[in-house]
Amino acid sequence: MLNKYDYYYGAFLSKLVSMQIVPALIEESKERRVYQLETGANRMKVYSKYATSATSTWNFRFSEEERDRLLQWSAEERKQLFVLICSKKDLLGGEIAILTFDQLLACMDVRDKYKEASCRVAIKKKKHSPFLYAYGTSRSLDDALPITRNFADLLLHRSVPEPV
C-alpha cells in the first residue's frame, strides 16, 4: 500500500535518478528519510523531510528528538545536506530546497534557549525570484537566507558547499 508521504519522498528520488545518482536508504520514517548519496568523489548523507501547503510558504517542524540529535552530531555528520521537499496540496508547483547544516542551524537554532519553542524552518517561494528563502525559529523572513532552486548544482559538486 502506498502512503501519501511515499509520493513526496518519491519526487526527490525521481530527481536523483534523473541526475544518475543512486541513493541508499539509511533511515526511514513518516517524518523523515535519510539517504546516502555518492556523486563522483563525494559521499554525503541527505536528511529529508516534507511539508505540504496551499500557499507558497512551507513550514518544517523539528521534534525534540530531532533537535537533540542535531546537537549531538559530530563534525563529520554536520557535512550532511538537508532536503526540504515543499509540496503543494494539488502536487503541482512544488519545490525542493537544500540547506547545509549551518544554514539549517541559522534558521532554526536548536540550543537550549529555544528548547521550549516549536523549532521550525520555513521555506518561502517569491514570485519571479531565482531563489527560495529560508527562515524560521531564530531568523525572520526579513532576514531570510536565499537558497538556490537549482539543487542539482549542489548535489553534483565535488564537495559540500561552504556554509553561509
N, C-alpha and C. Protein backbone atom coordinates (compact mmCIF):
# COMPACT_ATOMS: atom_id res chain seq x y z
N MET A 1 0.84 -1.18 0.00
CA MET A 1 0.00 0.00 0.00
C MET A 1 0.89 1.24 0.00
N LEU A 2 0.58 2.20 -0.84
CA LEU A 2 1.31 3.46 -0.89
C LEU A 2 0.69 4.46 0.08
N ASN A 3 1.55 5.17 0.77
CA ASN A 3 1.12 6.24 1.66
C ASN A 3 1.37 7.58 0.99
N LYS A 4 0.71 8.61 1.48
CA LYS A 4 0.87 9.96 0.92
C LYS A 4 2.34 10.38 0.92
N TYR A 5 3.06 10.10 2.02
CA TYR A 5 4.44 10.54 2.10
C TYR A 5 5.34 9.83 1.10
N ASP A 6 4.95 8.65 0.62
CA ASP A 6 5.74 7.96 -0.40
C ASP A 6 5.83 8.80 -1.68
N TYR A 7 4.78 9.53 -1.99
CA TYR A 7 4.78 10.38 -3.18
C TYR A 7 5.76 11.55 -3.01
N TYR A 8 5.80 12.13 -1.84
CA TYR A 8 6.67 13.27 -1.61
C TYR A 8 8.14 12.85 -1.65
N TYR A 9 8.49 11.79 -0.94
CA TYR A 9 9.87 11.32 -0.99
C TYR A 9 10.21 10.79 -2.39
N GLY A 10 9.23 10.23 -3.07
CA GLY A 10 9.43 9.75 -4.43
C GLY A 10 9.78 10.86 -5.41
N ALA A 11 9.25 12.06 -5.18
CA ALA A 11 9.57 13.20 -6.06
C ALA A 11 11.06 13.50 -5.99
N PHE A 12 11.61 13.50 -4.76
CA PHE A 12 13.05 13.74 -4.59
C PHE A 12 13.86 12.61 -5.22
N LEU A 13 13.45 11.37 -4.99
CA LEU A 13 14.17 10.23 -5.56
C LEU A 13 14.15 10.27 -7.09
N SER A 14 13.05 10.68 -7.66
CA SER A 14 12.95 10.80 -9.11
C SER A 14 13.97 11.81 -9.65
N LYS A 15 14.12 12.93 -8.95
CA LYS A 15 15.11 13.94 -9.36
C LYS A 15 16.52 13.36 -9.27
N LEU A 16 16.80 12.60 -8.20
CA LEU A 16 18.13 12.00 -8.05
C LEU A 16 18.43 11.03 -9.19
N VAL A 17 17.49 10.16 -9.48
CA VAL A 17 17.68 9.16 -10.53
C VAL A 17 17.88 9.83 -11.88
N SER A 18 17.15 10.93 -12.14
CA SER A 18 17.32 11.64 -13.41
C SER A 18 18.71 12.27 -13.52
N MET A 19 19.39 12.49 -12.38
CA MET A 19 20.75 13.01 -12.39
C MET A 19 21.78 11.87 -12.31
N GLN A 20 21.30 10.65 -12.43
CA GLN A 20 22.12 9.44 -12.37
C GLN A 20 22.81 9.29 -11.01
N ILE A 21 22.11 9.67 -9.95
CA ILE A 21 22.58 9.48 -8.58
C ILE A 21 21.72 8.39 -7.97
N VAL A 22 22.36 7.36 -7.45
CA VAL A 22 21.63 6.25 -6.85
C VAL A 22 21.73 6.37 -5.33
N PRO A 23 20.61 6.65 -4.68
CA PRO A 23 20.62 6.80 -3.22
C PRO A 23 20.50 5.45 -2.52
N ALA A 24 21.03 5.39 -1.31
CA ALA A 24 20.84 4.23 -0.44
C ALA A 24 20.08 4.73 0.79
N LEU A 25 18.95 4.10 1.08
CA LEU A 25 18.13 4.49 2.22
C LEU A 25 18.79 3.99 3.50
N ILE A 26 19.05 4.92 4.43
CA ILE A 26 19.70 4.57 5.70
C ILE A 26 18.68 4.52 6.84
N GLU A 27 17.75 5.45 6.81
CA GLU A 27 16.76 5.56 7.88
C GLU A 27 15.43 5.97 7.27
N GLU A 28 14.35 5.36 7.79
CA GLU A 28 13.04 5.62 7.21
C GLU A 28 11.99 5.80 8.31
N SER A 29 11.20 6.85 8.16
CA SER A 29 10.01 7.04 8.99
C SER A 29 9.07 7.95 8.21
N LYS A 30 7.88 8.13 8.74
CA LYS A 30 6.91 9.02 8.07
C LYS A 30 7.43 10.45 8.08
N GLU A 31 8.12 10.85 9.16
CA GLU A 31 8.57 12.23 9.34
C GLU A 31 9.83 12.57 8.58
N ARG A 32 10.67 11.60 8.29
CA ARG A 32 11.95 11.89 7.65
C ARG A 32 12.51 10.64 6.99
N ARG A 33 13.43 10.87 6.06
CA ARG A 33 14.20 9.79 5.44
C ARG A 33 15.63 10.28 5.35
N VAL A 34 16.55 9.38 5.61
CA VAL A 34 17.97 9.71 5.48
C VAL A 34 18.55 8.79 4.41
N TYR A 35 19.23 9.41 3.45
CA TYR A 35 19.83 8.68 2.34
C TYR A 35 21.33 8.91 2.34
N GLN A 36 22.05 7.95 1.77
CA GLN A 36 23.46 8.16 1.47
C GLN A 36 23.57 8.27 -0.04
N LEU A 37 24.29 9.31 -0.48
CA LEU A 37 24.47 9.55 -1.91
C LEU A 37 25.95 9.56 -2.24
N GLU A 38 26.26 9.08 -3.42
CA GLU A 38 27.62 9.19 -3.94
C GLU A 38 27.54 9.92 -5.27
N THR A 39 28.26 11.03 -5.35
CA THR A 39 28.30 11.82 -6.58
C THR A 39 29.75 12.01 -6.95
N GLY A 40 30.26 11.17 -7.82
CA GLY A 40 31.67 11.24 -8.18
C GLY A 40 32.52 10.86 -6.98
N ALA A 41 33.40 11.77 -6.58
CA ALA A 41 34.31 11.50 -5.46
C ALA A 41 33.68 11.88 -4.12
N ASN A 42 32.48 12.39 -4.11
CA ASN A 42 31.86 12.88 -2.89
C ASN A 42 30.80 11.91 -2.37
N ARG A 43 30.88 11.58 -1.10
CA ARG A 43 29.86 10.77 -0.43
C ARG A 43 29.23 11.64 0.64
N MET A 44 27.91 11.68 0.68
CA MET A 44 27.23 12.51 1.66
C MET A 44 25.95 11.85 2.14
N LYS A 45 25.52 12.28 3.30
CA LYS A 45 24.21 11.88 3.80
C LYS A 45 23.25 13.03 3.55
N VAL A 46 22.03 12.67 3.24
CA VAL A 46 20.99 13.65 2.99
C VAL A 46 19.81 13.32 3.89
N TYR A 47 19.45 14.29 4.71
CA TYR A 47 18.33 14.18 5.64
C TYR A 47 17.15 14.86 4.98
N SER A 48 16.06 14.15 4.77
CA SER A 48 14.94 14.74 4.04
C SER A 48 13.66 14.75 4.87
N LYS A 49 12.90 15.82 4.69
CA LYS A 49 11.59 15.98 5.30
C LYS A 49 10.68 16.59 4.24
N TYR A 50 9.38 16.44 4.44
CA TYR A 50 8.45 17.06 3.51
C TYR A 50 7.40 17.86 4.28
N ALA A 51 6.81 18.80 3.58
CA ALA A 51 5.68 19.57 4.10
C ALA A 51 4.78 19.89 2.93
N THR A 52 3.49 20.00 3.21
CA THR A 52 2.54 20.40 2.18
C THR A 52 1.92 21.73 2.57
N SER A 53 1.53 22.49 1.57
CA SER A 53 0.94 23.80 1.80
C SER A 53 0.08 24.19 0.61
N ALA A 54 -0.93 24.96 0.87
CA ALA A 54 -1.75 25.51 -0.22
C ALA A 54 -1.19 26.85 -0.69
N THR A 55 -0.23 27.40 0.06
CA THR A 55 0.37 28.69 -0.28
C THR A 55 1.80 28.48 -0.77
N SER A 56 2.55 29.56 -0.84
CA SER A 56 3.95 29.46 -1.29
C SER A 56 4.92 29.50 -0.12
N THR A 57 4.46 29.12 1.07
CA THR A 57 5.31 29.01 2.25
C THR A 57 5.10 27.63 2.88
N TRP A 58 6.21 26.95 3.17
CA TRP A 58 6.17 25.62 3.76
C TRP A 58 6.87 25.66 5.11
N ASN A 59 6.25 25.06 6.12
CA ASN A 59 6.82 25.00 7.47
C ASN A 59 7.23 23.58 7.80
N PHE A 60 8.49 23.43 8.22
CA PHE A 60 9.04 22.14 8.60
C PHE A 60 9.31 22.17 10.10
N ARG A 61 8.60 21.37 10.84
CA ARG A 61 8.76 21.31 12.30
C ARG A 61 9.73 20.20 12.65
N PHE A 62 10.57 20.48 13.64
CA PHE A 62 11.55 19.51 14.11
C PHE A 62 11.22 19.15 15.55
N SER A 63 11.06 17.86 15.80
CA SER A 63 10.69 17.37 17.13
C SER A 63 11.85 17.56 18.11
N GLU A 64 11.56 17.41 19.37
CA GLU A 64 12.60 17.50 20.40
C GLU A 64 13.67 16.44 20.16
N GLU A 65 13.27 15.25 19.77
CA GLU A 65 14.23 14.17 19.48
C GLU A 65 15.13 14.55 18.31
N GLU A 66 14.57 15.17 17.28
CA GLU A 66 15.38 15.61 16.14
C GLU A 66 16.34 16.72 16.55
N ARG A 67 15.88 17.66 17.37
CA ARG A 67 16.75 18.74 17.85
C ARG A 67 17.91 18.19 18.67
N ASP A 68 17.61 17.26 19.58
CA ASP A 68 18.66 16.65 20.39
C ASP A 68 19.68 15.93 19.51
N ARG A 69 19.18 15.25 18.51
CA ARG A 69 20.07 14.53 17.58
C ARG A 69 20.99 15.50 16.84
N LEU A 70 20.45 16.62 16.39
CA LEU A 70 21.26 17.62 15.69
C LEU A 70 22.37 18.16 16.59
N LEU A 71 22.06 18.40 17.85
CA LEU A 71 23.05 18.93 18.79
C LEU A 71 24.19 17.95 19.03
N GLN A 72 23.92 16.67 18.91
CA GLN A 72 24.93 15.65 19.20
C GLN A 72 25.76 15.25 17.98
N TRP A 73 25.45 15.79 16.84
CA TRP A 73 26.17 15.39 15.64
C TRP A 73 27.63 15.78 15.70
N SER A 74 28.45 14.88 15.21
CA SER A 74 29.89 15.13 15.12
C SER A 74 30.17 16.06 13.94
N ALA A 75 31.42 16.50 13.82
CA ALA A 75 31.80 17.36 12.70
C ALA A 75 31.55 16.67 11.37
N GLU A 76 31.76 15.37 11.29
CA GLU A 76 31.53 14.62 10.06
C GLU A 76 30.05 14.61 9.70
N GLU A 77 29.21 14.39 10.69
CA GLU A 77 27.77 14.35 10.42
C GLU A 77 27.24 15.70 9.99
N ARG A 78 27.91 16.77 10.40
CA ARG A 78 27.46 18.11 10.05
C ARG A 78 27.69 18.44 8.58
N LYS A 79 28.33 17.56 7.86
CA LYS A 79 28.50 17.75 6.42
C LYS A 79 27.28 17.27 5.64
N GLN A 80 26.26 16.82 6.36
CA GLN A 80 25.02 16.39 5.72
C GLN A 80 24.32 17.57 5.07
N LEU A 81 23.53 17.24 4.07
CA LEU A 81 22.64 18.22 3.48
C LEU A 81 21.22 17.92 3.94
N PHE A 82 20.41 18.96 4.01
CA PHE A 82 19.02 18.81 4.42
C PHE A 82 18.14 19.14 3.24
N VAL A 83 17.37 18.17 2.83
CA VAL A 83 16.46 18.32 1.70
C VAL A 83 15.06 18.55 2.26
N LEU A 84 14.50 19.69 1.96
CA LEU A 84 13.16 20.02 2.40
C LEU A 84 12.26 20.00 1.17
N ILE A 85 11.39 19.00 1.13
CA ILE A 85 10.51 18.78 -0.01
C ILE A 85 9.24 19.59 0.22
N CYS A 86 9.04 20.58 -0.62
CA CYS A 86 7.93 21.53 -0.47
C CYS A 86 6.86 21.17 -1.48
N SER A 87 5.79 20.58 -1.01
CA SER A 87 4.75 20.12 -1.92
C SER A 87 3.49 20.97 -1.79
N LYS A 88 2.88 21.20 -2.92
CA LYS A 88 1.57 21.85 -2.93
C LYS A 88 0.52 20.76 -2.71
N LYS A 89 -0.59 21.13 -2.16
CA LYS A 89 -1.64 20.14 -1.88
C LYS A 89 -2.12 19.44 -3.14
N ASP A 90 -2.11 20.15 -4.28
CA ASP A 90 -2.54 19.52 -5.54
C ASP A 90 -1.36 18.87 -6.28
N LEU A 91 -0.19 18.84 -5.65
CA LEU A 91 1.03 18.21 -6.18
C LEU A 91 1.64 18.95 -7.37
N LEU A 92 1.15 20.15 -7.71
CA LEU A 92 1.71 20.93 -8.81
C LEU A 92 2.44 22.15 -8.25
N GLY A 93 3.61 22.47 -8.81
CA GLY A 93 4.32 23.69 -8.41
C GLY A 93 5.12 23.59 -7.14
N GLY A 94 5.46 22.39 -6.73
CA GLY A 94 6.29 22.22 -5.53
C GLY A 94 7.74 22.59 -5.79
N GLU A 95 8.52 22.56 -4.75
CA GLU A 95 9.95 22.91 -4.81
C GLU A 95 10.73 21.94 -3.94
N ILE A 96 12.02 21.90 -4.17
CA ILE A 96 12.93 21.16 -3.29
C ILE A 96 14.02 22.13 -2.87
N ALA A 97 14.13 22.35 -1.56
CA ALA A 97 15.15 23.24 -1.02
C ALA A 97 16.22 22.40 -0.35
N ILE A 98 17.48 22.73 -0.61
CA ILE A 98 18.58 22.01 0.02
C ILE A 98 19.39 23.00 0.84
N LEU A 99 19.58 22.67 2.12
CA LEU A 99 20.33 23.52 3.04
C LEU A 99 21.50 22.73 3.63
N THR A 100 22.58 23.43 3.93
CA THR A 100 23.67 22.83 4.69
C THR A 100 23.27 22.81 6.15
N PHE A 101 24.03 22.09 6.96
CA PHE A 101 23.77 22.04 8.41
C PHE A 101 23.79 23.45 8.99
N ASP A 102 24.78 24.26 8.61
CA ASP A 102 24.90 25.61 9.16
C ASP A 102 23.75 26.51 8.71
N GLN A 103 23.28 26.34 7.49
CA GLN A 103 22.12 27.11 7.04
C GLN A 103 20.88 26.71 7.84
N LEU A 104 20.71 25.40 8.05
CA LEU A 104 19.58 24.93 8.84
C LEU A 104 19.65 25.51 10.25
N LEU A 105 20.82 25.44 10.85
CA LEU A 105 21.00 25.95 12.21
C LEU A 105 20.78 27.46 12.27
N ALA A 106 21.16 28.19 11.23
CA ALA A 106 20.95 29.63 11.20
C ALA A 106 19.46 29.99 11.19
N CYS A 107 18.65 29.10 10.66
CA CYS A 107 17.20 29.35 10.61
C CYS A 107 16.48 28.82 11.85
N MET A 108 16.99 27.73 12.40
CA MET A 108 16.31 27.04 13.49
C MET A 108 17.35 26.71 14.56
N ASP A 109 17.62 27.64 15.43
CA ASP A 109 18.62 27.41 16.46
C ASP A 109 18.12 26.34 17.41
N VAL A 110 18.89 25.26 17.58
CA VAL A 110 18.46 24.12 18.41
C VAL A 110 19.03 24.17 19.82
N ARG A 111 19.68 25.28 20.17
CA ARG A 111 20.26 25.37 21.50
C ARG A 111 19.18 25.51 22.57
N ASP A 112 19.58 25.44 23.82
CA ASP A 112 18.64 25.41 24.94
C ASP A 112 17.69 26.59 25.00
N LYS A 113 18.10 27.78 24.54
CA LYS A 113 17.21 28.93 24.66
C LYS A 113 15.94 28.76 23.84
N TYR A 114 15.95 27.86 22.86
CA TYR A 114 14.76 27.59 22.06
C TYR A 114 14.12 26.24 22.42
N LYS A 115 14.56 25.64 23.52
CA LYS A 115 14.12 24.30 23.89
C LYS A 115 12.59 24.22 24.00
N GLU A 116 11.97 25.24 24.53
CA GLU A 116 10.53 25.21 24.72
C GLU A 116 9.77 25.59 23.45
N ALA A 117 10.43 26.24 22.54
CA ALA A 117 9.77 26.68 21.30
C ALA A 117 9.60 25.49 20.35
N SER A 118 8.66 25.62 19.48
CA SER A 118 8.48 24.64 18.42
C SER A 118 9.48 25.01 17.32
N CYS A 119 10.60 24.32 17.27
CA CYS A 119 11.63 24.64 16.27
C CYS A 119 11.12 24.32 14.87
N ARG A 120 11.34 25.28 14.00
CA ARG A 120 10.88 25.10 12.63
C ARG A 120 11.78 25.84 11.66
N VAL A 121 11.73 25.38 10.44
CA VAL A 121 12.34 26.08 9.31
C VAL A 121 11.21 26.30 8.32
N ALA A 122 11.15 27.49 7.77
CA ALA A 122 10.15 27.80 6.75
C ALA A 122 10.86 28.08 5.44
N ILE A 123 10.26 27.64 4.37
CA ILE A 123 10.76 27.91 3.02
C ILE A 123 9.68 28.73 2.31
N LYS A 124 10.09 29.86 1.75
CA LYS A 124 9.16 30.75 1.05
C LYS A 124 9.59 30.86 -0.40
N LYS A 125 8.61 30.75 -1.27
CA LYS A 125 8.83 30.94 -2.71
C LYS A 125 8.24 32.30 -3.07
N LYS A 126 9.10 33.19 -3.60
CA LYS A 126 8.64 34.51 -4.02
C LYS A 126 8.50 34.53 -5.53
N LYS A 127 7.43 35.12 -5.99
CA LYS A 127 7.16 35.18 -7.42
C LYS A 127 8.31 35.84 -8.17
N HIS A 128 8.73 35.23 -9.26
CA HIS A 128 9.77 35.72 -10.17
C HIS A 128 11.18 35.75 -9.55
N SER A 129 11.37 35.15 -8.40
CA SER A 129 12.70 35.12 -7.79
C SER A 129 13.43 33.84 -8.20
N PRO A 130 14.73 33.95 -8.47
CA PRO A 130 15.50 32.74 -8.79
C PRO A 130 15.84 31.93 -7.53
N PHE A 131 15.49 32.45 -6.35
CA PHE A 131 15.81 31.79 -5.09
C PHE A 131 14.56 31.38 -4.33
N LEU A 132 14.76 30.43 -3.42
CA LEU A 132 13.81 30.18 -2.35
C LEU A 132 14.40 30.88 -1.13
N TYR A 133 13.60 31.14 -0.12
CA TYR A 133 14.09 31.85 1.06
C TYR A 133 13.82 31.02 2.30
N ALA A 134 14.87 30.82 3.13
CA ALA A 134 14.78 30.01 4.34
C ALA A 134 14.86 30.89 5.57
N TYR A 135 13.95 30.68 6.49
CA TYR A 135 13.94 31.39 7.77
C TYR A 135 13.30 30.45 8.79
N GLY A 136 13.08 30.91 10.01
CA GLY A 136 12.47 30.01 10.99
C GLY A 136 12.46 30.54 12.40
N THR A 137 12.65 29.64 13.35
CA THR A 137 12.56 29.97 14.76
C THR A 137 13.49 31.11 15.15
N SER A 138 14.69 31.12 14.61
CA SER A 138 15.69 32.11 15.04
C SER A 138 16.07 33.11 13.93
N ARG A 139 15.31 33.16 12.85
CA ARG A 139 15.60 34.07 11.75
C ARG A 139 14.27 34.52 11.13
N SER A 140 14.12 35.81 10.96
CA SER A 140 12.86 36.34 10.42
C SER A 140 12.84 36.28 8.90
N LEU A 141 11.66 36.41 8.34
CA LEU A 141 11.52 36.45 6.89
C LEU A 141 12.30 37.61 6.30
N ASP A 142 12.36 38.74 7.00
CA ASP A 142 13.11 39.91 6.53
C ASP A 142 14.60 39.62 6.38
N ASP A 143 15.08 38.64 7.14
CA ASP A 143 16.50 38.27 7.15
C ASP A 143 16.70 36.86 6.58
N ALA A 144 15.77 36.40 5.76
CA ALA A 144 15.80 35.04 5.23
C ALA A 144 17.03 34.78 4.37
N LEU A 145 17.49 33.53 4.40
CA LEU A 145 18.64 33.12 3.58
C LEU A 145 18.16 32.76 2.17
N PRO A 146 18.80 33.31 1.14
CA PRO A 146 18.45 32.89 -0.22
C PRO A 146 19.03 31.50 -0.48
N ILE A 147 18.22 30.62 -1.01
CA ILE A 147 18.61 29.23 -1.28
C ILE A 147 18.43 28.99 -2.77
N THR A 148 19.44 28.42 -3.42
CA THR A 148 19.34 28.17 -4.85
C THR A 148 18.21 27.19 -5.14
N ARG A 149 17.53 27.41 -6.26
CA ARG A 149 16.47 26.50 -6.69
C ARG A 149 17.04 25.40 -7.57
N ASN A 150 18.29 25.53 -7.99
CA ASN A 150 18.94 24.53 -8.81
C ASN A 150 19.75 23.59 -7.91
N PHE A 151 19.05 22.72 -7.23
CA PHE A 151 19.73 21.87 -6.26
C PHE A 151 20.65 20.85 -6.92
N ALA A 152 20.49 20.60 -8.21
CA ALA A 152 21.39 19.67 -8.89
C ALA A 152 22.83 20.16 -8.80
N ASP A 153 23.04 21.47 -8.88
CA ASP A 153 24.39 22.01 -8.76
C ASP A 153 25.00 21.66 -7.40
N LEU A 154 24.20 21.74 -6.35
CA LEU A 154 24.72 21.41 -5.01
C LEU A 154 25.09 19.95 -4.90
N LEU A 155 24.24 19.08 -5.40
CA LEU A 155 24.48 17.65 -5.27
C LEU A 155 25.63 17.16 -6.14
N LEU A 156 25.88 17.83 -7.25
CA LEU A 156 26.89 17.36 -8.18
C LEU A 156 28.27 18.00 -7.97
N HIS A 157 28.39 18.93 -7.01
CA HIS A 157 29.70 19.48 -6.69
C HIS A 157 30.61 18.38 -6.14
N ARG A 158 31.86 18.56 -6.28
CA ARG A 158 32.81 17.58 -5.75
C ARG A 158 32.87 17.60 -4.23
N SER A 159 32.49 18.69 -3.64
CA SER A 159 32.46 18.77 -2.18
C SER A 159 31.21 19.52 -1.74
N VAL A 160 30.84 19.33 -0.50
CA VAL A 160 29.67 20.02 0.05
C VAL A 160 29.97 21.51 0.10
N PRO A 161 29.02 22.36 -0.31
CA PRO A 161 29.28 23.80 -0.33
C PRO A 161 29.61 24.35 1.06
N GLU A 162 30.39 25.40 1.08
CA GLU A 162 30.74 26.05 2.34
C GLU A 162 29.49 26.65 2.98
N PRO A 163 29.41 26.60 4.30
CA PRO A 163 28.24 27.17 4.97
C PRO A 163 28.17 28.68 4.83
N VAL A 164 26.96 29.21 4.99
CA VAL A 164 26.74 30.66 4.93
C VAL A 164 27.26 31.29 6.19
